[in-house]
Structures are given as structure tokens and as C-alpha cells.
Amino acid sequence: MHRMAYFLTHGFQVMAIGTQTVFEMANIVAREKVYEITNYSLAGGEVRSSVGVSVTTEKASPQVIADTWMISGIVNPLVHPTPAAELAFISQASMRARRTVGLCTGTFVLAEAGLLEGRRVTTHWAYADELRKRCQGTQVEADRIFIVDGPIWTSAGLTAAMDLALGLVDKDLGPELASSVAHVLVMHHRRTGGQSQHSELLKMAPKSDRIQTALEYARKNLGKALSVDDLADAAHLSPRQFSRVFQAETGHSPAKAIERLRIEEARNMIERGRHSLEVIARETGFRDRKHLREAFVRGYGVTPLSLRRGARMAGDRDAADDEIETEFAS
């Protein structure tokens, strides 16, 4: 059984404990109790969250045995440093656990506890620059959903913490069960750790349902030609009216927006590393590999091959960590 211990401090972000639902659903899908979840605080008793909801916790002590410690952050980690006694406990508990997780700004807590030196981490994009300043010996990658570096897992914003929790389930119980959990939770899709914190659909942020519908149609049909007429039809507007409204709401022409969606999906496919660039180009609607490369350089400033090499290097590090973890467990 995997013992998941959540360490909560005063003012914790309540959505951090929302990730417990992932492990609850994993138990249901697996039809057995594979995860045991307990909330802890240094003194025990009730701990008040940032929105006023209180959670009853058990007292954290050196005798507590946990497979994974989940460390929550607070709304603004720059204003209230973590008390020294809590940092000392987290540091010691981390040495006894298999994994330690910083949820969103919980990464700052791990940094204060001295756990991030020489590691790759992420946190909420709004605080990434400050984390870099504070942790010169840490590689902060602001544009990632979550990052795994050895026993340390860190996530971006709190919705990304749900993806990280699914990543833990994937690691523990396999991708098939993790996908089933995502399906039960009605999560749009499982995002891997290498993906960007910033979705193109969120960046464009259309104001009307019609333009949102057109963009969703485009995202689901990137392998097709996707003319303005096709998108206008999906939005139930005339092509002329559609182009005018689309530009006003997103700040982009339909053609530019579709290209951004295409290269985002191509990037996701490249980072997952399952297909050749020729297949990725075809599946995401580019004419060929050369066309994909040109769009990629325009959008990201790097070539698809450069991104793939970086993703494979990260994968090699994860594989090495798996070997170490397996040897440790045996």
C-alpha cells in the first residue's frame, strides 16, 4: 500500500488536498485500497486554509511512516516564510520517504527546507523568477506542468497538481489505470509533465461560445485542412462575420490561430516521443516535415529535433531514476 501523507500549514491552498480525489478514485478503479491518505500538521488538530475551510490533521512526528509526502504551498510564498520547525520536519521526513512533492508554491517550501539544490523543478509561473533568484543552484523550468527529478516532484499551478497526482498513479500502478482514473474524474485529457503550463486555447481566451466551439472543433480536427468556411460553419456564422469576430475576440487571424494549435499539439506529440516527425506532421495538419519545422521555429525558436533531443535526455534521466528506485526498493 502507498501511504500518501499531506503536510498542511496555516493558510494552505485548499485545492492542494483536492488532489486526494485522484488517489481515492485510484482505489475505486483498482477495486482495492492501494493508497492510504492522511493529513498531518506539526501540532495536529485543525488547520485553516486560505479560504477559511479547516481540515483536521494528525500530529506529525518522526515516527510517521510515509511513502510520499505531499507539501502544500500558500497563496503568496513571498510574504510568509515557512516556520523553521516545519522546515526541519519536512527535511527529515523527506529523507525517510520515497518521494517528496511540492504542490504549486509548495516548491518554495522544499527550497527553504534545502531539498532542491542541483535539481530541476517548476512552480507557478508567477513566482518562477523569484524562485530562480532564491535558488541559484536549482534549475527552475517555468514552462512545465510538473517535473520529476529523482525523488522530488514539483508542479505548476494547482490544476497542474492534479496532473502530477495522475503522474504518481501512472508511476505506481501503470498508464492504463491512470487513464481510467482521468476518465472517471472527467479530466479533459492527461497532460504529461513535459507539457507547457500555457495552453493556446487559454491564451486566445475567446469571449463567445461560438468562437470557443470553432476552436474546439479545430483542435479535434487538426489533421484536416480546416478552411475558414469549415470553422465558420462550426460557429454557425458566415465566413465574413466569423473572420471579423474571431480576430476581435482572439487577436489572431483564423489561420494564425490554427497554426498555433497545430504546433502545440505537435510539441506534445514530440515530447511523448511515440511517433516519427513525418507522422506528427501529418497528424497535426502540416504538409510535410519541412513545413512542420518552419512553423516550429517561428513559434518556439527551436527545431522539432532539438525539442525531441531534450525530451529524450529528460527521459533518460527518469529511466536512471527508475533503476535507482528499483534497486533501493529491493
Foldseek 3Di string as FASTA:
>chain_A
DAEEEEEDAAAFAVLLCVLVLLQVLLCVLVVHNPYDYFYEYQQFQWHAHNVGDIDGHGHDDPVDQGQEYEYTDHPDCVPDPDDPVRLCSLLSNCVRYQAYEQEACNVVSCVVSVNAAQEEWEHALVCQVVVCVVHVRHHYDHFWQWADFQRYIYGYHSVSVSLVSLVVCCVVPNDVSSQVSCVVVVPVGRADGGHTPDDLLVLQQFDDPLQVQLVVVLLVPQLDQDDLCVSCVSSVHHSVVSQVSSCVGRVDGPVVSLLVSLLSVLLRCLLVPDDDLQVSCNRRHHPGSVRSQVSCCVVPVDGSVVSNVVSVVSVVSVVVSVVVSVVVVD
